[in-house]
Protein backbone atom coordinates (compact mmCIF):
# COMPACT_ATOMS: atom_id res chain seq x y z
CA MET A 1 58.89 -10.80 8.83
CA LYS A 2 58.91 -7.17 9.25
CA LYS A 3 57.70 -6.14 6.61
CA ILE A 4 55.82 -9.28 5.22
CA GLY A 5 53.98 -8.38 8.54
CA ILE A 6 53.24 -4.88 7.85
CA LEU A 7 51.76 -5.78 4.40
CA PHE A 8 49.56 -7.76 5.90
CA VAL A 9 47.94 -5.79 7.93
CA LEU A 10 47.51 -2.88 4.94
CA LEU A 11 46.09 -5.43 2.99
CA ILE A 12 43.28 -6.36 6.12
CA CYS A 13 42.91 -2.43 6.35
CA ALA A 14 42.21 -2.13 2.71
CA LYS A 15 39.70 -4.55 2.32
CA ILE A 16 37.69 -3.48 5.89
CA GLY A 17 38.19 0.10 3.75
CA PHE A 18 36.90 -0.84 0.45
CA SER A 19 33.69 -3.51 0.38
CA SER A 20 31.85 -2.11 3.71
CA SER A 21 28.67 -1.13 2.02
CA ILE A 22 26.29 -1.75 -1.15
CA LEU A 23 24.50 1.48 -2.06
CA ILE A 24 21.82 0.44 -4.49
CA PRO A 25 20.55 3.44 -5.81
CA MET A 26 17.05 4.46 -6.32
CA ASP A 27 16.68 7.17 -8.85
CA GLU A 28 16.90 7.35 -12.46
CA SER A 29 20.05 5.14 -13.22
CA GLN A 30 18.33 2.15 -11.19
CA LYS A 31 17.23 -0.67 -13.48
CA ASN A 32 15.12 -2.34 -11.42
CA HIS A 33 13.40 -0.13 -8.69
CA LEU A 34 10.29 -2.52 -8.06
CA LYS A 35 12.89 -5.81 -7.30
CA SER A 36 15.09 -3.26 -4.94
CA TYR A 37 12.73 -3.35 -2.53
CA GLY A 38 12.40 -7.49 -2.37
CA LEU A 39 16.16 -7.33 -2.06
CA ALA A 40 15.51 -5.02 0.67
CA TYR A 41 13.39 -7.21 2.56
CA TRP A 42 15.19 -10.39 1.66
CA ALA A 43 18.29 -8.41 3.20
CA LEU A 44 15.65 -7.69 6.52
CA LYS A 45 15.03 -11.42 6.46
CA GLN A 46 19.35 -11.95 6.90
CA ASP A 47 18.81 -9.91 9.91
CA LEU A 48 20.65 -7.07 8.36
CA THR A 49 20.43 -3.68 9.25
CA ILE A 50 19.45 -1.18 6.49
CA GLN A 51 19.56 2.64 6.20
CA TRP A 52 16.58 3.90 3.96
CA LEU A 53 18.28 6.91 2.55
CA LEU A 54 15.33 9.28 2.56
CA ASN A 55 15.35 11.86 -0.86
CA TYR A 56 19.00 10.68 -1.65
CA LYS A 57 19.08 9.62 -5.08
CA GLY A 58 15.17 9.09 -5.03
CA GLY A 59 15.24 6.83 -1.69
CA SER A 60 18.23 4.55 -1.95
CA PHE A 61 19.48 1.89 0.65
CA LEU A 62 22.51 1.27 1.88
CA ILE A 63 23.46 -2.26 3.29
CA PRO A 64 26.47 -3.56 5.09
CA HIS A 65 28.33 -5.62 2.48
CA ALA A 66 28.32 -8.81 1.81
CA ASN A 67 28.92 -11.41 -1.23
CA THR A 68 25.35 -12.79 -0.83
CA ILE A 69 23.56 -9.24 -1.14
CA GLU A 70 25.89 -8.40 -4.30
CA THR A 71 24.59 -12.18 -5.82
CA GLU A 72 21.36 -11.15 -4.76
CA CYS A 73 21.57 -8.44 -7.19
CA LYS A 74 23.45 -9.63 -9.83
CA ILE A 75 20.43 -12.62 -10.24
CA ARG A 76 17.76 -10.36 -10.16
CA GLY A 77 18.96 -7.50 -12.21
CA ILE A 78 18.70 -5.13 -9.58
CA SER A 79 21.87 -1.44 -9.87
CA TYR A 80 24.13 -1.23 -7.37
CA ASP A 81 27.10 -0.17 -5.95
CA VAL A 82 30.11 -1.30 -3.53
CA ILE A 83 31.34 1.38 -1.52
CA ALA A 84 34.63 1.93 0.81
CA ASP A 85 33.95 2.95 4.35
CA VAL A 86 34.78 6.53 3.95
CA GLN A 87 32.34 7.27 1.30
CA ALA A 88 29.50 5.65 3.10
CA ALA A 89 30.21 8.23 6.09
CA SER A 90 30.25 11.08 3.29
CA ILE A 91 27.16 10.15 2.19
CA LEU A 92 25.74 9.59 6.11
CA ASN A 93 27.21 13.03 6.65
CA ALA A 94 26.06 14.78 4.15
CA ILE A 95 22.14 13.40 4.58
CA ALA A 96 22.81 14.43 8.18
CA ASP A 97 23.52 18.17 7.68
CA PRO A 98 20.56 19.60 8.73
CA GLU A 99 20.24 22.05 5.80
CA THR A 100 19.41 19.16 3.51
CA ASN A 101 16.39 17.80 3.57
CA MET A 102 17.34 13.84 3.91
CA ASP A 103 17.62 11.91 6.15
CA ALA A 104 18.96 7.90 6.94
CA VAL A 105 16.25 5.81 8.82
CA LYS A 106 17.42 2.17 9.91
CA LEU A 107 14.99 -0.89 8.91
CA GLU A 108 15.53 -3.37 11.08
CA LYS A 109 12.98 -6.08 10.83
CA ALA A 110 11.04 -7.91 8.00
CA PRO A 111 7.68 -6.95 8.16
CA LYS A 112 5.05 -10.33 8.65
CA ILE A 113 2.54 -9.83 5.49
CA ALA A 114 -1.11 -10.46 5.32
CA VAL A 115 -3.33 -9.59 1.66
CA TYR A 116 -7.02 -9.88 2.23
CA SER A 117 -8.00 -11.86 -0.37
CA PRO A 118 -10.74 -14.09 -1.63
CA LYS A 119 -10.28 -17.90 -2.23
CA ASN A 120 -12.90 -18.19 -5.16
CA LYS A 121 -10.57 -16.69 -8.36
CA LEU A 122 -12.40 -13.59 -9.67
CA PRO A 123 -12.29 -11.81 -13.16
CA TRP A 124 -9.62 -9.41 -12.26
CA ASP A 125 -6.06 -9.05 -10.46
CA ASP A 126 -5.09 -7.04 -7.62
CA ALA A 127 -2.04 -4.79 -7.61
CA VAL A 128 -0.46 -5.60 -4.66
CA THR A 129 -0.08 -9.52 -5.24
CA MET A 130 1.09 -8.69 -8.54
CA VAL A 131 4.03 -6.60 -7.29
CA LEU A 132 4.34 -8.55 -4.22
CA THR A 133 4.99 -11.42 -6.48
CA TYR A 134 7.38 -9.78 -8.42
CA ALA A 135 9.22 -7.84 -6.26
CA GLU A 136 9.89 -11.56 -4.40
CA ILE A 137 8.77 -10.59 -1.12
CA PRO A 138 6.38 -13.42 0.59
CA TYR A 139 2.88 -12.67 1.90
CA ASP A 140 0.27 -14.95 3.24
CA ILE A 141 -3.44 -15.11 2.17
CA VAL A 142 -6.29 -14.30 4.65
CA TYR A 143 -10.12 -13.69 4.22
CA ASP A 144 -13.61 -13.33 6.06
CA GLU A 145 -12.65 -16.71 8.65
CA GLU A 146 -8.89 -16.17 9.70
CA VAL A 147 -10.23 -12.68 10.39
CA ILE A 148 -13.34 -13.29 12.41
CA LYS A 149 -11.00 -16.29 14.30
CA GLY A 150 -8.88 -13.25 15.07
CA ASN A 151 -5.40 -14.39 13.14
CA LEU A 152 -4.63 -10.75 12.36
CA PRO A 153 -2.42 -9.66 15.08
CA LYS A 154 0.12 -12.68 14.04
CA TYR A 155 0.64 -10.06 10.83
CA ASP A 156 2.47 -6.68 10.94
CA TRP A 157 0.82 -5.37 7.64
CA LEU A 158 -2.52 -6.36 5.92
CA HIS A 159 -3.30 -4.97 2.66
CA LEU A 160 -6.96 -4.86 1.85
CA HIS A 161 -7.78 -6.94 -2.17
CA HIS A 162 -10.42 -4.85 -3.75
CA GLU A 163 -13.67 -5.45 -1.78
CA ASP A 164 -16.66 -4.37 -1.08
CA PHE A 165 -17.12 -4.46 2.78
CA THR A 166 -20.37 -2.85 1.83
CA GLY A 167 -22.12 -6.60 1.14
CA GLN A 168 -22.93 -5.34 -2.15
CA TYR A 169 -21.14 -7.49 -4.25
CA GLY A 170 -19.18 -4.80 -5.79
CA ARG A 171 -21.94 -2.99 -7.52
CA PHE A 172 -21.45 -5.80 -10.63
CA TRP A 173 -25.61 -6.61 -9.84
CA ALA A 174 -26.55 -4.49 -12.79
CA ALA A 175 -23.76 -5.96 -14.91
CA PHE A 176 -22.66 -9.31 -14.26
CA ARG A 177 -25.65 -10.45 -12.14
CA ASN A 178 -26.09 -14.21 -14.48
CA ALA A 179 -22.43 -14.36 -15.28
CA PRO A 180 -21.26 -17.65 -13.53
CA TRP A 181 -18.42 -15.75 -11.86
CA TYR A 182 -20.66 -13.26 -9.58
CA VAL A 183 -23.29 -16.51 -9.00
CA ASN A 184 -20.42 -18.33 -7.74
CA ASP A 185 -18.94 -15.18 -5.96
CA VAL A 186 -22.74 -14.56 -4.46
CA ARG A 187 -23.14 -18.03 -3.07
CA LEU A 188 -19.76 -18.28 -1.43
CA ASN A 189 -20.22 -15.50 0.54
CA GLU A 190 -23.24 -16.71 1.38
CA GLU A 191 -22.38 -19.84 2.90
CA MET A 192 -19.55 -17.98 4.41
CA ALA A 193 -21.46 -15.59 6.37
CA ALA A 194 -23.78 -18.56 7.61
CA LYS A 195 -21.05 -20.41 8.74
CA LEU A 196 -19.88 -18.16 10.66
CA GLY A 197 -23.12 -17.00 12.60
CA PHE A 198 -24.38 -14.20 10.22
CA LYS A 199 -27.85 -14.12 9.13
CA LYS A 200 -26.24 -11.36 6.03
CA VAL A 201 -22.87 -11.03 3.84
CA SER A 202 -23.13 -6.97 5.23
CA GLN A 203 -22.84 -8.26 8.71
CA LEU A 204 -20.19 -10.72 8.48
CA LYS A 205 -17.90 -7.92 6.23
CA LEU A 206 -18.72 -5.01 8.67
CA ALA A 207 -17.72 -7.52 11.68
CA VAL A 208 -14.53 -8.62 9.35
CA ALA A 209 -14.04 -4.27 8.86
CA GLN A 210 -14.34 -4.16 12.89
CA LYS A 211 -11.65 -6.63 13.52
CA ILE A 212 -9.39 -5.03 10.90
CA LYS A 213 -9.86 -1.61 12.18
CA GLU A 214 -8.97 -3.54 15.79
CA PHE A 215 -5.70 -4.83 14.18
CA THR A 216 -4.84 -1.05 12.67
CA VAL A 217 -5.49 0.64 16.39
CA GLY A 218 -3.65 -1.97 17.95
CA GLY A 219 -0.43 -0.75 16.12
CA GLY A 220 -1.07 -2.62 12.47
CA PHE A 221 -0.30 -1.41 9.41
CA LEU A 222 -3.24 -1.00 6.96
CA PHE A 223 -3.23 -0.79 3.29
CA ALA A 224 -5.61 -0.10 0.94
CA MET A 225 -6.52 1.06 -3.15
CA CYS A 226 -9.75 1.15 -5.25
CA SER A 227 -12.86 -0.29 -3.51
CA GLY A 228 -10.91 -1.24 -0.81
CA THR A 229 -10.93 2.09 0.32
CA ASP A 230 -13.96 3.91 0.76
CA SER A 231 -16.33 0.95 0.95
CA TYR A 232 -14.38 -0.33 4.62
CA ASP A 233 -14.88 3.30 5.27
CA ILE A 234 -18.94 3.07 4.71
CA SER A 235 -19.14 -0.20 6.28
CA LEU A 236 -17.84 0.91 9.67
CA ALA A 237 -20.08 4.37 9.36
CA ALA A 238 -23.11 2.50 8.31
CA ALA A 239 -22.84 -0.25 11.49
CA GLY A 240 -25.99 -1.40 12.72
CA ILE A 241 -27.66 -0.08 9.00
CA ASP A 242 -28.67 -1.74 6.25
CA ILE A 243 -27.61 0.17 3.46
CA CYS A 244 -28.06 -2.87 0.99
CA ASP A 245 -30.99 -3.07 -1.59
CA GLN A 246 -33.00 -6.71 -1.76
CA MET A 247 -31.14 -7.77 -4.60
CA PHE A 248 -27.94 -8.58 -1.92
CA ASP A 249 -29.59 -9.07 1.38
CA GLY A 250 -33.25 -10.41 0.41
CA ASP A 251 -35.02 -7.42 2.01
CA ARG A 252 -35.30 -3.32 0.94
CA ALA A 253 -32.40 -1.09 2.76
CA ASP A 254 -33.21 1.76 5.33
CA PRO A 255 -34.87 4.82 3.94
CA ASN A 256 -33.27 6.64 6.78
CA ALA A 257 -29.82 5.33 6.40
CA GLN A 258 -27.88 8.54 4.89
CA GLU A 259 -29.37 9.97 8.33
CA LYS A 260 -28.11 7.68 10.69
CA LEU A 261 -24.46 7.25 9.29
CA ASN A 262 -21.64 7.94 11.95
CA TYR A 263 -18.87 9.41 9.97
CA ALA A 264 -16.37 9.00 13.17
CA ASN A 265 -16.70 5.46 13.36
CA GLY A 266 -14.57 5.81 9.70
CA PHE A 267 -11.05 6.11 8.90
CA ALA A 268 -10.68 8.70 6.02
CA PHE A 269 -13.96 10.09 4.84
CA GLN A 270 -16.67 12.70 6.19
CA ASN A 271 -20.26 13.82 4.88
CA TYR A 272 -20.09 12.19 1.91
CA LYS A 273 -23.95 11.06 0.26
CA LEU A 274 -24.53 7.59 -0.03
CA ASP A 275 -25.62 6.26 -3.59
CA MET A 276 -28.65 4.00 -2.80
CA ASN A 277 -29.35 3.11 -6.41
CA PRO A 278 -28.49 -0.70 -7.02
CA TYR A 279 -27.90 0.17 -10.52
CA ASN A 280 -24.91 2.14 -10.21
CA TYR A 281 -21.32 1.28 -10.10
CA GLU A 282 -20.63 3.31 -7.25
CA PHE A 283 -20.79 3.40 -3.58
CA SER A 284 -20.91 6.91 -2.75
CA ASP A 285 -19.42 10.39 -3.50
CA ILE A 286 -16.09 10.17 -2.14
CA ASP A 287 -14.88 8.68 -5.36
CA ASN A 288 -14.48 11.24 -8.09
CA THR A 289 -14.50 8.74 -11.39
CA GLN A 290 -17.55 10.60 -12.70
CA GLY A 291 -17.01 14.01 -14.06
CA ARG A 292 -12.96 14.17 -14.24
CA ASN A 293 -12.81 15.62 -17.30
CA LEU A 294 -9.32 14.11 -17.80
CA VAL A 295 -8.20 11.15 -20.19
CA GLU A 296 -4.98 9.30 -20.15
CA GLY A 297 -3.09 11.32 -21.53
CA ASN A 298 -3.58 14.48 -19.25
CA ASP A 299 -4.13 12.27 -16.24
CA TYR A 300 -1.14 12.69 -13.68
CA PHE A 301 -1.33 13.41 -10.11
CA SER A 302 1.73 15.14 -8.03
CA LEU A 303 3.35 13.85 -4.64
CA PHE A 304 4.25 16.33 -1.68
CA ASP A 305 7.65 16.67 -0.52
CA PHE A 306 7.81 16.54 3.30
CA SER A 307 10.56 17.51 5.49
CA ALA A 308 12.76 13.86 5.81
CA LYS A 309 14.25 15.02 8.98
CA TRP A 310 10.87 16.33 10.81
CA ASP A 311 8.54 14.13 8.98
CA PRO A 312 10.27 11.06 8.40
CA VAL A 313 6.59 8.77 7.87
CA PRO A 314 4.99 10.75 5.23
CA SER A 315 8.99 11.05 3.51
CA MET A 316 9.40 7.18 3.46
CA LEU A 317 6.10 6.81 2.09
CA THR A 318 6.12 8.99 -1.11
CA GLN A 319 9.82 8.27 -1.87
CA ASN A 320 9.84 7.89 -5.73
CA HIS A 321 12.24 8.80 -8.85
CA GLU A 322 9.28 10.80 -10.14
CA LYS A 323 7.17 13.20 -8.20
CA LEU A 324 4.86 13.40 -11.03
CA VAL A 325 3.02 9.68 -11.36
CA LYS A 326 0.44 8.69 -14.28
CA GLY A 327 -2.77 8.74 -12.78
CA PHE A 328 -4.89 5.33 -13.21
CA MET A 329 -8.53 4.64 -12.67
CA GLY A 330 -10.51 2.21 -10.67
CA GLN A 331 -14.08 1.22 -8.93
CA THR A 332 -13.06 4.16 -6.78
CA THR A 333 -10.25 6.19 -8.83
CA ALA A 334 -9.55 8.91 -6.47
CA PHE A 335 -11.37 10.99 -3.20
CA ARG A 336 -13.07 14.27 -3.36
CA LYS A 337 -11.26 16.16 -1.12
CA LYS A 338 -14.24 17.91 0.41
CA MET A 339 -15.26 14.53 1.89
CA ILE A 340 -11.61 13.86 3.82
CA LYS A 341 -11.39 14.53 7.36
CA PRO A 342 -9.45 17.11 8.29
CA ASP A 343 -6.64 14.89 10.33
CA VAL A 344 -6.11 13.33 7.18
CA LEU A 345 -2.72 13.57 5.60
CA ILE A 346 -2.92 13.86 1.75
CA LEU A 347 0.33 12.60 0.35
CA GLY A 348 -0.60 12.96 -3.66
CA GLU A 349 -3.16 15.09 -5.58
CA THR A 350 -4.55 15.88 -8.94
CA SER A 351 -5.18 19.91 -7.92
CA SER A 352 -6.72 20.38 -11.35
CA VAL A 353 -9.95 18.51 -10.65
CA ASN A 354 -9.24 18.86 -6.48
CA GLU A 355 -9.21 15.41 -5.93
CA ALA A 356 -6.82 13.11 -3.58
CA ARG A 357 -5.17 10.35 -4.96
CA TYR A 358 -3.25 8.92 -2.03
CA ILE A 359 -3.97 9.34 1.46
CA HIS A 360 -2.70 8.29 4.76
CA GLY A 361 -3.80 8.94 9.15
CA GLU A 362 -2.87 7.46 12.66
CA ILE A 363 -5.31 5.89 14.41
CA GLY A 364 -4.66 4.10 18.01
CA LYS A 365 -1.17 2.92 17.89
CA GLY A 366 -1.37 1.90 13.88
CA THR A 367 -1.88 3.59 10.78
CA TRP A 368 -3.42 3.55 7.77
CA THR A 369 -2.95 4.28 4.00
CA PHE A 370 -5.65 4.78 1.29
CA TYR A 371 -4.43 4.33 -2.55
CA GLY A 372 -6.91 5.83 -5.54
CA GLY A 373 -7.16 3.56 -8.60
CA HIS A 374 -7.12 -0.19 -9.39
CA ASP A 375 -3.89 -1.09 -11.29
CA PRO A 376 -0.58 2.03 -11.64
CA GLU A 377 0.03 0.40 -15.12
CA ASP A 378 -2.83 -0.68 -16.55
CA TYR A 379 -5.33 3.08 -17.02
CA GLN A 380 -8.75 1.56 -16.64
CA HIS A 381 -8.23 -2.05 -15.96
CA LEU A 382 -11.65 -4.00 -16.77
CA VAL A 383 -13.03 -7.06 -15.63
CA ASN A 384 -11.50 -9.96 -17.41
CA ASP A 385 -8.66 -7.70 -18.94
CA PRO A 386 -4.91 -9.75 -18.74
CA ALA A 387 -2.80 -9.01 -15.65
CA THR A 388 -0.69 -6.55 -16.19
CA ASP A 389 3.24 -7.63 -16.89
CA LEU A 390 5.66 -6.62 -14.37
CA ASN A 391 8.52 -6.95 -16.32
CA LEU A 392 7.48 -5.11 -19.22
CA HIS A 393 7.35 -1.84 -16.06
CA PRO A 394 10.14 -2.80 -13.40
CA ASN A 395 10.55 1.20 -12.88
CA SER A 396 6.90 1.95 -11.81
CA PRO A 397 6.43 4.66 -10.48
CA GLY A 398 3.03 4.09 -9.11
CA TYR A 399 3.56 0.61 -8.30
CA ARG A 400 6.67 2.14 -6.00
CA LEU A 401 4.30 3.57 -3.85
CA ILE A 402 2.51 0.36 -2.99
CA LEU A 403 6.50 -0.91 -2.21
CA ASN A 404 6.84 2.05 -0.21
CA ASN A 405 4.32 1.06 2.50
CA VAL A 406 5.80 -2.69 1.90
CA LEU A 407 8.81 -1.55 3.58
CA PHE A 408 7.56 1.53 6.07
CA PRO A 409 6.43 -0.72 9.18
CA ALA A 410 10.77 -2.63 8.91
CA ALA A 411 11.45 1.70 10.14
CA LYS A 412 12.92 2.09 13.91
CA LYS A 413 10.46 4.14 15.38
CA LYS A 414 11.95 7.40 16.17
CA LYS A 415 11.22 9.57 19.01
CA GLN A 416 8.59 12.64 18.20
CA LYS A 417 10.73 15.73 17.87
CA THR A 418 9.16 18.78 19.81
C-alpha cells in the first residue's frame, strides 16, 4: 500500500509538472498567425490570463493548459506546444533577464470591440472587419446614430472603417457621381444628418468625430486605416469651417479655410495644406501616395525596435515575425513625416521616401493608432475589386499589425518606470 501511495503521488506530480502551459509560437514556425490572435482572444473570454511574450519567438502567447485550448488550436490549425512548469519557468526567467530585449505582459480581459461602419453596402472592403472575422474575434457595428446617442463608452476599442469625416463622400464625386452606390450613399447620409438634427453631412461627421475624440480622451483605444486617419484629423482641425465645395453640401467652401484651421484640435498632423480641388482624390498633402516613386516590387516599410521592458506599448504594437513589411496603397497610403506632430511615435516607416506608415499616440487617458493603406495583402485595392481571401494569407505580417492593436487593450497596465 505504501508503494502504491508513493506511485500515486509521483503520478500526480508528473501530471502537474508536465502539461502546465500551452505555448503558441509566433515566429516562422507558426502555421496560422492570424487565427492565433483569435485563439488568444477566445482564451481571455474563458477568464484565462495570458502572458504575451514580447520579442520571444515573434511575440508568442503562453496560456495555462486546458484540453479545450488544445482542441481549439487543432480546430483552428494553430501551431502550439504543451510545455511543463519547468520549461515555462525557464522561458519566463530568460525573458526577465535585464540583458534581453524581451518582456512578459499579462493579458487579462478581452476588450469589447466596435467598428464604425456604414450600414449600407459600399463597393470596397475593410481590412479590419475581414481579419476580425477570419480570426473569429467578435465585434459590433456602430455608425453615426449610435455614436451621437453616446454608445461608444460601452466599448474598449474602436476601429474607423474606410471613412471620410470631412463630409465630402470620399472625394469619389469626380469618378463616381452617377454610380448607383454613390447616389445611394449621398442620399442615406443626408437623411441621417436630417434625422439627427444637422443641416449638413459635414456637420454630422464633425459631431461624430468629436464624440470619437471624447471616447478616446476618456480612455478608449482608437484604431484607423486609410482615409479614416487624415480625414478624421482634418475634420477636427476644421471644426466650424466650411471646407466642402457646393457639389458636396450645396454651397461654396470658405475661401479662407486654410488659414482658419486649428491643428491643435487633431491627433496626429500639423502644418498641412488642404486640397480644395473637388476633382482631386485627396484631402490634403498629408498623404504621400503621389510622387512616391515606388512600385509593388520595392515598396516595403520597416518596423522600429523598441525596448520591451521600458516601452511595452510600442513593443506590443510592433510584434511580428518579420520586421520588413510589404507596403500597400490606399486613398491615404502613408503620412509625410514633416506633417506629423513631434509627440507622435512612428512605429513603421519607409525611410527612402521619408514617410511614416504606422504611427501611435496618447490623448487624455486613451491612445490612438493610425495605419496607412487599405489592404495589407492587396497592393492597390480598387473600387469593386473582390475581397481578399485571408485563407491565402494566414501569416500576413501586415495584418498582424492590426491584430496587435486588437489585443493591446487587454494588457495589464504597468506603472510608468522613472
